[in-house]
N, C-alpha and C. Protein backbone atom coordinates (compact mmCIF):
# COMPACT_ATOMS: atom_id res chain seq x y z
N MET A 1 -51.54 -47.12 -37.78
CA MET A 1 -50.89 -47.89 -38.83
C MET A 1 -51.69 -47.85 -40.13
N ARG A 2 -53.02 -47.98 -39.99
CA ARG A 2 -53.85 -47.98 -41.19
C ARG A 2 -53.78 -46.65 -41.92
N LYS A 3 -53.69 -45.54 -41.16
CA LYS A 3 -53.59 -44.23 -41.78
C LYS A 3 -52.32 -44.13 -42.62
N LEU A 4 -51.24 -44.71 -42.13
CA LEU A 4 -49.99 -44.68 -42.88
C LEU A 4 -50.10 -45.44 -44.20
N ILE A 5 -50.91 -46.49 -44.21
CA ILE A 5 -51.09 -47.27 -45.44
C ILE A 5 -52.07 -46.57 -46.37
N ARG A 6 -53.13 -45.96 -45.82
CA ARG A 6 -54.15 -45.33 -46.64
C ARG A 6 -53.64 -44.09 -47.37
N ARG A 7 -52.81 -43.30 -46.71
CA ARG A 7 -52.33 -42.06 -47.33
C ARG A 7 -51.62 -42.30 -48.66
N PRO A 8 -50.62 -43.18 -48.72
CA PRO A 8 -49.97 -43.40 -50.02
C PRO A 8 -50.93 -43.96 -51.06
N PHE A 9 -51.88 -44.79 -50.61
CA PHE A 9 -52.85 -45.36 -51.54
C PHE A 9 -53.74 -44.26 -52.12
N LYS A 10 -54.22 -43.34 -51.26
CA LYS A 10 -55.04 -42.23 -51.73
C LYS A 10 -54.24 -41.31 -52.65
N LEU A 11 -52.99 -41.08 -52.30
CA LEU A 11 -52.14 -40.24 -53.13
C LEU A 11 -51.92 -40.87 -54.50
N ALA A 12 -51.73 -42.18 -54.53
CA ALA A 12 -51.55 -42.88 -55.81
C ALA A 12 -52.82 -42.78 -56.67
N LEU A 13 -53.98 -42.96 -56.05
CA LEU A 13 -55.24 -42.84 -56.79
C LEU A 13 -55.44 -41.42 -57.33
N LEU A 14 -55.12 -40.43 -56.51
CA LEU A 14 -55.25 -39.04 -56.93
C LEU A 14 -54.32 -38.74 -58.10
N SER A 15 -53.09 -39.23 -58.05
CA SER A 15 -52.16 -38.96 -59.15
C SER A 15 -52.58 -39.68 -60.42
N MET A 16 -53.17 -40.88 -60.31
CA MET A 16 -53.66 -41.57 -61.51
C MET A 16 -54.84 -40.81 -62.12
N ALA A 17 -55.72 -40.29 -61.27
CA ALA A 17 -56.86 -39.52 -61.77
C ALA A 17 -56.37 -38.25 -62.44
N TRP A 18 -55.38 -37.59 -61.86
CA TRP A 18 -54.82 -36.38 -62.45
C TRP A 18 -54.21 -36.69 -63.82
N ALA A 19 -53.48 -37.80 -63.93
CA ALA A 19 -52.87 -38.17 -65.20
C ALA A 19 -53.94 -38.45 -66.25
N ALA A 20 -55.05 -39.06 -65.85
CA ALA A 20 -56.12 -39.34 -66.80
C ALA A 20 -56.75 -38.05 -67.30
N LEU A 21 -56.84 -37.03 -66.44
CA LEU A 21 -57.40 -35.76 -66.85
C LEU A 21 -56.43 -34.94 -67.71
N ALA A 22 -55.15 -35.19 -67.55
CA ALA A 22 -54.15 -34.38 -68.24
C ALA A 22 -54.07 -34.67 -69.73
N PHE A 23 -54.47 -35.83 -70.18
CA PHE A 23 -54.37 -36.19 -71.58
C PHE A 23 -55.76 -36.36 -72.18
N PRO A 24 -56.07 -35.60 -73.23
CA PRO A 24 -57.42 -35.63 -73.78
C PRO A 24 -57.75 -36.95 -74.47
N ASP A 25 -59.04 -37.25 -74.56
CA ASP A 25 -59.50 -38.45 -75.26
C ASP A 25 -59.49 -38.22 -76.77
N THR A 26 -59.70 -36.98 -77.19
CA THR A 26 -59.66 -36.64 -78.61
C THR A 26 -58.79 -35.40 -78.79
N VAL A 27 -58.27 -35.27 -79.99
CA VAL A 27 -57.44 -34.12 -80.30
C VAL A 27 -57.83 -33.61 -81.69
N ASN A 28 -57.79 -32.30 -81.87
CA ASN A 28 -58.14 -31.69 -83.15
C ASN A 28 -56.97 -31.83 -84.13
N ILE A 29 -57.30 -32.26 -85.35
CA ILE A 29 -56.29 -32.44 -86.40
C ILE A 29 -56.42 -31.34 -87.46
N GLY A 30 -57.62 -30.93 -87.76
CA GLY A 30 -57.87 -29.92 -88.79
C GLY A 30 -59.37 -29.81 -89.03
N TYR A 31 -59.73 -29.41 -90.25
CA TYR A 31 -61.16 -29.34 -90.57
C TYR A 31 -61.36 -29.48 -92.07
N VAL A 32 -62.58 -29.85 -92.43
CA VAL A 32 -62.99 -29.93 -93.83
C VAL A 32 -64.02 -28.82 -94.03
N VAL A 33 -63.89 -28.08 -95.13
CA VAL A 33 -64.71 -26.88 -95.32
C VAL A 33 -65.32 -26.87 -96.72
N PHE A 34 -66.57 -26.39 -96.79
CA PHE A 34 -67.29 -26.20 -98.06
C PHE A 34 -67.09 -24.74 -98.44
N SER A 35 -66.44 -24.49 -99.58
CA SER A 35 -66.10 -23.11 -99.98
C SER A 35 -66.69 -22.78 -101.34
N VAL A 36 -67.45 -21.67 -101.39
CA VAL A 36 -67.93 -21.14 -102.67
C VAL A 36 -66.83 -20.20 -103.15
N THR A 37 -66.04 -20.67 -104.10
CA THR A 37 -64.85 -19.92 -104.52
C THR A 37 -65.09 -19.09 -105.78
N ASN A 38 -65.92 -19.60 -106.67
CA ASN A 38 -66.19 -18.95 -107.95
C ASN A 38 -67.69 -19.05 -108.16
N SER A 39 -68.44 -18.19 -107.44
CA SER A 39 -69.89 -18.29 -107.38
C SER A 39 -70.50 -18.49 -108.77
N PRO A 40 -71.38 -19.46 -108.92
CA PRO A 40 -72.02 -20.32 -107.92
C PRO A 40 -71.28 -21.63 -107.68
N LEU A 41 -70.05 -21.77 -108.16
CA LEU A 41 -69.32 -23.03 -108.01
C LEU A 41 -68.66 -23.12 -106.64
N ALA A 42 -68.68 -24.34 -106.09
CA ALA A 42 -68.10 -24.57 -104.76
C ALA A 42 -67.17 -25.77 -104.79
N GLU A 43 -66.34 -25.86 -103.77
CA GLU A 43 -65.39 -26.97 -103.62
C GLU A 43 -65.34 -27.39 -102.16
N VAL A 44 -64.73 -28.54 -101.93
CA VAL A 44 -64.50 -29.03 -100.58
C VAL A 44 -63.00 -29.09 -100.36
N ASP A 45 -62.52 -28.40 -99.32
CA ASP A 45 -61.10 -28.37 -99.00
C ASP A 45 -60.86 -29.03 -97.65
N ILE A 46 -59.67 -29.62 -97.49
CA ILE A 46 -59.27 -30.24 -96.23
C ILE A 46 -58.09 -29.44 -95.69
N VAL A 47 -58.27 -28.84 -94.52
CA VAL A 47 -57.22 -28.03 -93.90
C VAL A 47 -56.61 -28.85 -92.76
N ASN A 48 -55.32 -29.16 -92.90
CA ASN A 48 -54.60 -29.95 -91.91
C ASN A 48 -53.80 -29.01 -91.02
N LEU A 49 -54.12 -28.99 -89.74
CA LEU A 49 -53.45 -28.09 -88.80
C LEU A 49 -52.58 -28.86 -87.81
N THR A 50 -51.68 -29.68 -88.36
CA THR A 50 -50.71 -30.40 -87.55
C THR A 50 -49.31 -30.01 -88.02
N GLY A 51 -48.31 -30.44 -87.28
CA GLY A 51 -46.92 -30.16 -87.66
C GLY A 51 -46.66 -28.66 -87.73
N PRO A 52 -46.11 -28.19 -88.86
CA PRO A 52 -45.80 -26.75 -88.97
C PRO A 52 -47.04 -25.86 -88.99
N ASN A 53 -48.21 -26.44 -89.26
CA ASN A 53 -49.46 -25.67 -89.29
C ASN A 53 -50.17 -25.65 -87.93
N SER A 54 -49.60 -26.32 -86.92
CA SER A 54 -50.30 -26.47 -85.64
C SER A 54 -50.48 -25.14 -84.92
N LEU A 55 -51.55 -25.07 -84.17
CA LEU A 55 -51.87 -23.91 -83.33
C LEU A 55 -51.98 -24.44 -81.91
N PRO A 56 -51.02 -24.12 -81.03
CA PRO A 56 -50.90 -24.78 -79.74
C PRO A 56 -52.18 -24.92 -78.91
N SER A 57 -53.06 -23.93 -78.91
CA SER A 57 -54.22 -24.04 -78.02
C SER A 57 -55.32 -24.95 -78.57
N GLU A 58 -55.61 -24.87 -79.85
CA GLU A 58 -56.74 -25.63 -80.40
C GLU A 58 -56.34 -26.80 -81.29
N PHE A 59 -55.19 -26.70 -81.94
CA PHE A 59 -54.70 -27.77 -82.80
C PHE A 59 -53.26 -28.06 -82.38
N PRO A 60 -53.10 -28.82 -81.26
CA PRO A 60 -51.80 -28.92 -80.60
C PRO A 60 -50.85 -30.01 -81.10
N VAL A 61 -51.20 -30.75 -82.16
CA VAL A 61 -50.35 -31.86 -82.59
C VAL A 61 -49.12 -31.32 -83.30
N LEU A 62 -47.94 -31.52 -82.71
CA LEU A 62 -46.70 -30.99 -83.25
C LEU A 62 -46.11 -31.86 -84.35
N THR A 63 -46.51 -33.12 -84.40
CA THR A 63 -46.06 -34.03 -85.44
C THR A 63 -46.94 -33.84 -86.68
N SER A 64 -46.33 -33.83 -87.86
CA SER A 64 -47.13 -33.74 -89.09
C SER A 64 -47.92 -35.03 -89.28
N VAL A 65 -49.23 -34.91 -89.37
CA VAL A 65 -50.11 -36.07 -89.55
C VAL A 65 -50.62 -36.05 -90.98
N ASN A 66 -50.39 -37.12 -91.71
CA ASN A 66 -50.87 -37.23 -93.09
C ASN A 66 -52.27 -37.83 -93.10
N LEU A 67 -53.10 -37.34 -94.00
CA LEU A 67 -54.44 -37.87 -94.19
C LEU A 67 -54.37 -38.80 -95.40
N LEU A 68 -54.35 -40.10 -95.13
CA LEU A 68 -54.18 -41.07 -96.19
C LEU A 68 -55.51 -41.40 -96.86
N ARG A 69 -55.49 -41.43 -98.16
CA ARG A 69 -56.62 -41.85 -98.99
C ARG A 69 -57.95 -41.22 -98.58
N PRO A 70 -58.04 -39.88 -98.64
CA PRO A 70 -59.33 -39.26 -98.32
C PRO A 70 -60.41 -39.71 -99.30
N PHE A 71 -61.57 -40.04 -98.78
CA PHE A 71 -62.70 -40.52 -99.56
C PHE A 71 -63.87 -39.58 -99.28
N LEU A 72 -64.32 -38.88 -100.30
CA LEU A 72 -65.33 -37.85 -100.15
C LEU A 72 -66.66 -38.30 -100.74
N THR A 73 -67.76 -38.12 -100.01
CA THR A 73 -69.11 -38.39 -100.50
C THR A 73 -69.88 -37.07 -100.44
N VAL A 74 -70.43 -36.66 -101.58
CA VAL A 74 -71.19 -35.41 -101.67
C VAL A 74 -72.63 -35.75 -101.99
N ASN A 75 -73.56 -35.29 -101.13
CA ASN A 75 -75.00 -35.51 -101.34
C ASN A 75 -75.64 -34.23 -101.84
N PHE A 76 -76.53 -34.37 -102.82
CA PHE A 76 -77.19 -33.23 -103.46
C PHE A 76 -78.67 -33.21 -103.13
N LYS A 77 -79.29 -32.03 -103.30
CA LYS A 77 -80.72 -31.89 -103.06
C LYS A 77 -81.51 -32.77 -104.01
N SER A 78 -81.10 -32.82 -105.26
CA SER A 78 -81.71 -33.73 -106.23
C SER A 78 -80.56 -34.43 -106.95
N GLY A 79 -80.79 -35.61 -107.36
CA GLY A 79 -79.72 -36.34 -108.05
C GLY A 79 -78.94 -37.22 -107.10
N PRO A 80 -78.22 -38.18 -107.67
CA PRO A 80 -77.49 -39.14 -106.84
C PRO A 80 -76.25 -38.52 -106.19
N ALA A 81 -75.82 -39.16 -105.13
CA ALA A 81 -74.59 -38.74 -104.45
C ALA A 81 -73.38 -39.03 -105.34
N GLU A 82 -72.34 -38.25 -105.18
CA GLU A 82 -71.09 -38.48 -105.91
C GLU A 82 -70.01 -38.80 -104.90
N THR A 83 -69.12 -39.72 -105.29
CA THR A 83 -67.99 -40.06 -104.43
C THR A 83 -66.69 -39.77 -105.17
N PHE A 84 -65.71 -39.37 -104.39
CA PHE A 84 -64.40 -39.05 -104.95
C PHE A 84 -63.34 -39.70 -104.07
N VAL A 85 -62.52 -40.54 -104.70
CA VAL A 85 -61.39 -41.12 -104.00
C VAL A 85 -60.16 -40.29 -104.35
N TYR A 86 -59.09 -40.45 -103.60
CA TYR A 86 -57.90 -39.64 -103.82
C TYR A 86 -57.39 -39.80 -105.26
N GLU A 87 -57.45 -41.02 -105.77
CA GLU A 87 -56.95 -41.30 -107.11
C GLU A 87 -57.78 -40.66 -108.22
N SER A 88 -58.99 -40.19 -107.89
CA SER A 88 -59.86 -39.60 -108.92
C SER A 88 -59.32 -38.25 -109.40
N GLY A 89 -58.41 -37.67 -108.65
CA GLY A 89 -57.85 -36.38 -109.04
C GLY A 89 -58.66 -35.19 -108.55
N TYR A 90 -59.71 -35.43 -107.77
CA TYR A 90 -60.50 -34.31 -107.26
C TYR A 90 -59.66 -33.45 -106.32
N PHE A 91 -58.87 -34.10 -105.47
CA PHE A 91 -58.03 -33.37 -104.52
C PHE A 91 -56.62 -33.18 -105.08
N THR A 92 -56.05 -32.01 -104.80
CA THR A 92 -54.63 -31.78 -105.06
C THR A 92 -53.99 -31.38 -103.73
N LEU A 93 -52.76 -31.82 -103.54
CA LEU A 93 -52.04 -31.52 -102.32
C LEU A 93 -51.64 -30.06 -102.29
N ASP A 94 -51.91 -29.39 -101.17
CA ASP A 94 -51.53 -27.99 -101.01
C ASP A 94 -50.01 -27.88 -100.88
N PRO A 95 -49.46 -26.67 -101.08
CA PRO A 95 -48.01 -26.48 -100.94
C PRO A 95 -47.47 -26.85 -99.56
N ASP A 96 -48.32 -26.84 -98.50
CA ASP A 96 -47.82 -27.21 -97.18
C ASP A 96 -47.54 -28.71 -97.07
N GLY A 97 -47.97 -29.49 -98.07
CA GLY A 97 -47.72 -30.93 -98.08
C GLY A 97 -48.63 -31.73 -97.16
N LEU A 98 -49.60 -31.08 -96.52
CA LEU A 98 -50.49 -31.76 -95.58
C LEU A 98 -51.97 -31.56 -95.91
N SER A 99 -52.34 -30.39 -96.38
CA SER A 99 -53.74 -30.06 -96.67
C SER A 99 -54.08 -30.42 -98.12
N PHE A 100 -55.38 -30.47 -98.42
CA PHE A 100 -55.85 -30.80 -99.77
C PHE A 100 -56.82 -29.73 -100.26
N LYS A 101 -56.70 -29.41 -101.52
CA LYS A 101 -57.62 -28.46 -102.16
C LYS A 101 -58.47 -29.23 -103.15
N GLY A 102 -59.79 -28.98 -103.10
CA GLY A 102 -60.71 -29.63 -104.03
C GLY A 102 -60.95 -28.77 -105.25
N GLU A 103 -61.60 -29.34 -106.25
CA GLU A 103 -61.96 -28.59 -107.46
C GLU A 103 -63.33 -27.94 -107.26
N ASP A 104 -63.50 -26.74 -107.82
CA ASP A 104 -64.80 -26.06 -107.69
C ASP A 104 -65.74 -26.53 -108.81
N ILE A 105 -66.36 -27.70 -108.55
CA ILE A 105 -67.22 -28.32 -109.57
C ILE A 105 -68.68 -28.46 -109.12
N PHE A 106 -69.01 -28.05 -107.91
CA PHE A 106 -70.38 -28.22 -107.41
C PHE A 106 -71.15 -26.92 -107.59
N ASN A 107 -72.24 -26.99 -108.36
CA ASN A 107 -73.04 -25.81 -108.63
C ASN A 107 -74.07 -25.64 -107.51
N THR A 108 -73.94 -24.55 -106.76
CA THR A 108 -74.81 -24.33 -105.60
C THR A 108 -76.20 -23.81 -105.98
N VAL A 109 -76.41 -23.48 -107.27
CA VAL A 109 -77.70 -22.96 -107.71
C VAL A 109 -78.52 -24.07 -108.37
N THR A 110 -77.94 -24.77 -109.34
CA THR A 110 -78.71 -25.78 -110.09
C THR A 110 -78.93 -27.06 -109.30
N ASP A 111 -77.97 -27.46 -108.46
CA ASP A 111 -78.12 -28.68 -107.66
C ASP A 111 -77.36 -28.50 -106.34
N PRO A 112 -78.00 -27.82 -105.37
CA PRO A 112 -77.31 -27.53 -104.11
C PRO A 112 -76.85 -28.78 -103.37
N VAL A 113 -75.74 -28.65 -102.66
CA VAL A 113 -75.18 -29.75 -101.87
C VAL A 113 -75.86 -29.73 -100.50
N THR A 114 -76.32 -30.91 -100.05
CA THR A 114 -76.99 -31.00 -98.74
C THR A 114 -76.04 -31.46 -97.64
N SER A 115 -75.06 -32.28 -97.98
CA SER A 115 -74.09 -32.72 -96.97
C SER A 115 -72.84 -33.27 -97.65
N VAL A 116 -71.76 -33.26 -96.89
CA VAL A 116 -70.48 -33.78 -97.37
C VAL A 116 -69.91 -34.65 -96.26
N THR A 117 -69.45 -35.85 -96.62
CA THR A 117 -68.81 -36.73 -95.64
C THR A 117 -67.42 -37.08 -96.14
N LEU A 118 -66.44 -36.94 -95.27
CA LEU A 118 -65.06 -37.27 -95.59
C LEU A 118 -64.59 -38.36 -94.63
N ILE A 119 -64.04 -39.43 -95.20
CA ILE A 119 -63.43 -40.48 -94.37
C ILE A 119 -62.01 -40.71 -94.86
N GLY A 120 -61.20 -41.29 -94.01
CA GLY A 120 -59.82 -41.58 -94.38
C GLY A 120 -59.08 -42.17 -93.19
N THR A 121 -57.76 -42.10 -93.28
CA THR A 121 -56.89 -42.69 -92.26
C THR A 121 -55.79 -41.71 -91.91
N TYR A 122 -55.45 -41.64 -90.62
CA TYR A 122 -54.33 -40.81 -90.17
C TYR A 122 -53.04 -41.62 -90.16
N PHE A 123 -51.93 -40.94 -90.47
CA PHE A 123 -50.61 -41.55 -90.35
C PHE A 123 -49.62 -40.45 -90.01
N PRO A 124 -48.74 -40.59 -89.08
CA PRO A 124 -48.42 -41.78 -88.28
C PRO A 124 -49.38 -41.94 -87.12
N VAL A 125 -49.24 -43.06 -86.43
CA VAL A 125 -50.11 -43.36 -85.32
C VAL A 125 -49.61 -42.68 -84.04
N SER A 126 -48.31 -42.56 -83.88
CA SER A 126 -47.73 -41.94 -82.69
C SER A 126 -47.37 -40.50 -83.00
N VAL A 127 -47.89 -39.56 -82.18
CA VAL A 127 -47.66 -38.13 -82.40
C VAL A 127 -47.25 -37.46 -81.10
N THR A 128 -46.77 -36.23 -81.23
CA THR A 128 -46.37 -35.44 -80.07
C THR A 128 -47.35 -34.29 -79.88
N ILE A 129 -47.86 -34.18 -78.66
CA ILE A 129 -48.71 -33.06 -78.26
C ILE A 129 -48.00 -32.40 -77.09
N GLY A 130 -47.49 -31.21 -77.30
CA GLY A 130 -46.68 -30.56 -76.27
C GLY A 130 -45.42 -31.37 -76.05
N ASN A 131 -45.22 -31.87 -74.82
CA ASN A 131 -44.07 -32.72 -74.50
C ASN A 131 -44.47 -34.17 -74.33
N THR A 132 -45.65 -34.54 -74.82
CA THR A 132 -46.20 -35.86 -74.57
C THR A 132 -46.41 -36.61 -75.88
N SER A 133 -46.06 -37.89 -75.87
CA SER A 133 -46.33 -38.75 -77.02
C SER A 133 -47.62 -39.50 -76.77
N VAL A 134 -48.52 -39.47 -77.75
CA VAL A 134 -49.78 -40.21 -77.65
C VAL A 134 -50.00 -40.96 -78.96
N GLY A 135 -50.87 -41.94 -78.90
CA GLY A 135 -51.26 -42.66 -80.10
C GLY A 135 -52.58 -42.12 -80.64
N LEU A 136 -52.73 -42.20 -81.95
CA LEU A 136 -53.98 -41.78 -82.59
C LEU A 136 -54.71 -43.00 -83.13
N PHE A 137 -56.02 -43.01 -82.98
CA PHE A 137 -56.81 -44.02 -83.67
C PHE A 137 -56.83 -43.62 -85.13
N ARG A 138 -56.51 -44.51 -86.02
CA ARG A 138 -56.23 -44.18 -87.41
C ARG A 138 -57.42 -43.73 -88.25
N PRO A 139 -58.55 -44.41 -88.24
CA PRO A 139 -59.63 -43.96 -89.13
C PRO A 139 -60.27 -42.66 -88.65
N PHE A 140 -60.71 -41.84 -89.61
CA PHE A 140 -61.43 -40.63 -89.24
C PHE A 140 -62.63 -40.46 -90.14
N SER A 141 -63.59 -39.66 -89.66
CA SER A 141 -64.80 -39.37 -90.42
C SER A 141 -65.31 -38.01 -89.96
N ALA A 142 -65.74 -37.20 -90.92
CA ALA A 142 -66.31 -35.89 -90.61
C ALA A 142 -67.42 -35.60 -91.61
N THR A 143 -68.53 -35.05 -91.12
CA THR A 143 -69.67 -34.73 -91.98
C THR A 143 -70.04 -33.27 -91.83
N ILE A 144 -70.19 -32.59 -92.97
CA ILE A 144 -70.63 -31.19 -92.99
C ILE A 144 -72.12 -31.16 -93.32
N THR A 145 -72.89 -30.49 -92.47
CA THR A 145 -74.32 -30.26 -92.74
C THR A 145 -74.62 -28.80 -92.41
N ASP A 146 -75.81 -28.36 -92.78
CA ASP A 146 -76.24 -27.00 -92.47
C ASP A 146 -77.69 -27.05 -92.02
N PRO A 147 -78.08 -26.25 -91.02
CA PRO A 147 -79.48 -26.27 -90.54
C PRO A 147 -80.50 -25.90 -91.61
N THR A 148 -80.08 -25.14 -92.64
CA THR A 148 -81.01 -24.74 -93.69
C THR A 148 -81.32 -25.88 -94.65
N GLY A 149 -80.52 -26.94 -94.60
CA GLY A 149 -80.74 -28.08 -95.49
C GLY A 149 -79.78 -28.11 -96.67
N THR A 150 -79.21 -26.97 -97.04
CA THR A 150 -78.19 -26.93 -98.11
C THR A 150 -76.95 -26.22 -97.59
N LEU A 151 -75.80 -26.68 -98.04
CA LEU A 151 -74.55 -26.10 -97.57
C LEU A 151 -74.34 -24.70 -98.14
N VAL A 152 -73.74 -23.84 -97.32
CA VAL A 152 -73.40 -22.48 -97.73
C VAL A 152 -71.90 -22.28 -97.52
N ASP A 153 -71.38 -21.23 -98.10
CA ASP A 153 -69.95 -20.93 -98.00
C ASP A 153 -69.50 -20.88 -96.55
N GLY A 154 -68.44 -21.62 -96.25
CA GLY A 154 -67.87 -21.62 -94.90
C GLY A 154 -68.36 -22.72 -93.99
N ASP A 155 -69.37 -23.50 -94.39
CA ASP A 155 -69.79 -24.62 -93.55
C ASP A 155 -68.60 -25.57 -93.41
N SER A 156 -68.40 -26.08 -92.20
CA SER A 156 -67.23 -26.92 -91.98
C SER A 156 -67.50 -27.97 -90.91
N ALA A 157 -66.59 -28.92 -90.82
CA ALA A 157 -66.64 -29.96 -89.78
C ALA A 157 -65.22 -30.19 -89.29
N LEU A 158 -65.09 -30.37 -88.01
CA LEU A 158 -63.80 -30.58 -87.38
C LEU A 158 -63.29 -32.00 -87.64
N LEU A 159 -62.00 -32.12 -87.93
CA LEU A 159 -61.36 -33.43 -88.03
C LEU A 159 -60.69 -33.70 -86.69
N THR A 160 -61.14 -34.74 -86.01
CA THR A 160 -60.58 -35.08 -84.71
C THR A 160 -60.04 -36.50 -84.75
N ALA A 161 -59.20 -36.80 -83.78
CA ALA A 161 -58.67 -38.16 -83.65
C ALA A 161 -58.78 -38.59 -82.20
N GLY A 162 -59.21 -39.82 -82.00
CA GLY A 162 -59.19 -40.38 -80.65
C GLY A 162 -57.75 -40.68 -80.27
N THR A 163 -57.41 -40.48 -79.01
CA THR A 163 -56.05 -40.75 -78.55
C THR A 163 -56.05 -41.93 -77.60
N PHE A 164 -54.90 -42.57 -77.49
CA PHE A 164 -54.73 -43.65 -76.53
C PHE A 164 -53.29 -43.65 -76.04
N GLY A 165 -53.12 -44.16 -74.83
CA GLY A 165 -51.77 -44.25 -74.26
C GLY A 165 -51.08 -42.91 -74.23
N SER A 166 -50.22 -42.75 -73.31
CA SER A 166 -49.44 -41.53 -73.28
C SER A 166 -48.13 -41.80 -72.58
N THR A 167 -47.13 -41.13 -73.03
CA THR A 167 -45.83 -41.21 -72.40
C THR A 167 -45.55 -39.83 -71.84
N PRO A 168 -45.68 -39.66 -70.52
CA PRO A 168 -45.43 -38.34 -69.96
C PRO A 168 -44.01 -37.90 -70.26
N PRO A 169 -43.78 -36.60 -70.30
CA PRO A 169 -42.45 -36.11 -70.59
C PRO A 169 -41.46 -36.57 -69.54
N THR A 170 -40.24 -36.82 -69.97
CA THR A 170 -39.21 -37.24 -69.02
C THR A 170 -38.80 -36.05 -68.17
N VAL A 171 -38.57 -36.33 -66.90
CA VAL A 171 -38.16 -35.29 -65.96
C VAL A 171 -36.65 -35.41 -65.78
N PRO A 172 -35.91 -34.34 -66.02
CA PRO A 172 -34.46 -34.43 -65.87
C PRO A 172 -34.08 -34.64 -64.40
N GLU A 173 -33.08 -35.46 -64.19
CA GLU A 173 -32.60 -35.72 -62.84
C GLU A 173 -31.76 -34.55 -62.36
N PRO A 174 -31.91 -34.16 -61.07
CA PRO A 174 -31.08 -33.06 -60.57
C PRO A 174 -29.62 -33.50 -60.42
N LYS A 175 -28.73 -32.55 -60.50
CA LYS A 175 -27.30 -32.82 -60.35
C LYS A 175 -27.00 -33.18 -58.90
N SER A 176 -25.97 -33.97 -58.69
CA SER A 176 -25.60 -34.41 -57.34
C SER A 176 -25.24 -33.23 -56.45
N TYR A 177 -24.47 -32.27 -56.98
CA TYR A 177 -24.06 -31.14 -56.15
C TYR A 177 -25.28 -30.31 -55.72
N LEU A 178 -26.31 -30.27 -56.57
CA LEU A 178 -27.52 -29.53 -56.22
C LEU A 178 -28.25 -30.22 -55.06
N LEU A 179 -28.33 -31.55 -55.11
CA LEU A 179 -28.96 -32.29 -54.02
C LEU A 179 -28.17 -32.13 -52.72
N LEU A 180 -26.85 -32.22 -52.81
CA LEU A 180 -26.01 -32.07 -51.63
C LEU A 180 -26.14 -30.67 -51.03
N SER A 181 -26.12 -29.63 -51.89
CA SER A 181 -26.22 -28.27 -51.38
C SER A 181 -27.60 -28.00 -50.78
N MET A 182 -28.65 -28.57 -51.33
CA MET A 182 -29.99 -28.41 -50.76
C MET A 182 -30.06 -29.07 -49.38
N GLY A 183 -29.49 -30.25 -49.26
CA GLY A 183 -29.46 -30.94 -47.97
C GLY A 183 -28.67 -30.16 -46.93
N LEU A 184 -27.50 -29.64 -47.33
CA LEU A 184 -26.68 -28.86 -46.41
C LEU A 184 -27.38 -27.57 -46.01
N ALA A 185 -28.04 -26.91 -46.96
CA ALA A 185 -28.76 -25.67 -46.66
C ALA A 185 -29.90 -25.94 -45.68
N THR A 186 -30.61 -27.04 -45.86
CA THR A 186 -31.69 -27.40 -44.95
C THR A 186 -31.14 -27.68 -43.55
N TRP A 187 -30.05 -28.44 -43.47
CA TRP A 187 -29.44 -28.76 -42.19
C TRP A 187 -28.97 -27.48 -41.51
N LEU A 188 -28.31 -26.56 -42.25
CA LEU A 188 -27.82 -25.32 -41.70
C LEU A 188 -28.97 -24.44 -41.19
N PHE A 189 -30.05 -24.37 -41.96
CA PHE A 189 -31.22 -23.59 -41.55
C PHE A 189 -31.79 -24.12 -40.24
N ARG A 190 -31.94 -25.41 -40.15
CA ARG A 190 -32.49 -26.01 -38.93
C ARG A 190 -31.54 -25.82 -37.74
N PHE A 191 -30.23 -25.92 -38.01
CA PHE A 191 -29.24 -25.77 -36.95
C PHE A 191 -29.25 -24.35 -36.40
N LEU A 192 -29.31 -23.36 -37.31
CA LEU A 192 -29.29 -21.96 -36.87
C LEU A 192 -30.61 -21.57 -36.21
N ARG A 193 -31.68 -22.15 -36.64
CA ARG A 193 -33.00 -21.83 -36.10
C ARG A 193 -33.13 -22.31 -34.65
N ARG A 194 -32.61 -23.49 -34.38
CA ARG A 194 -32.69 -24.04 -33.03
C ARG A 194 -31.67 -23.42 -32.10
N GLY A 195 -30.63 -22.90 -32.63
CA GLY A 195 -29.55 -22.36 -31.79
C GLY A 195 -28.52 -23.43 -31.53
N VAL A 196 -27.42 -23.02 -31.08
CA VAL A 196 -26.32 -23.94 -30.79
C VAL A 196 -26.56 -24.57 -29.43
N ARG A 197 -26.56 -25.87 -29.36
CA ARG A 197 -26.73 -26.62 -28.10
C ARG A 197 -25.43 -27.36 -27.81
N VAL A 198 -25.00 -27.26 -26.62
CA VAL A 198 -23.75 -27.94 -26.24
C VAL A 198 -24.05 -29.08 -25.32
């Protein structure tokens, strides 16, 4: 009797563990990159890889996620840090409507950049990854650094979002005739296998 009770309990625990493994704790949204575009001038760009820009294996969010009020802090080798809010006009929205392009105003020769930090908020909170709806933790932060101490062209940091809750995809119900035919086929198979008994 105890074995009959333990089996469903173990199966339930196993399925809950499988469900927990199936949905990631974080998901990639895009990246922020330091680009030397007009040497020696550099800019900071935000590449959003959600919605129409998504890449299923590494950037799987199918819903377009907006980066609200990006706030950029740029630290230099000498001199004070500079901050840029969205309203400052440093960023312009890319034609995709999701990514941001910065201005090439940082001189990599006279005052090299040592690090860049971007903070902001994601919107919407509920997104689709594959066939699953998950929630995103709204605030984000990413910092670009380089082992040499100063940023070089192509240095970047991943923009990720913590996820919570998930709604597994709905499973379509089989048609009644399909269930009936499967039952009849099983009964017929068993009947023919055993032979006719009178």
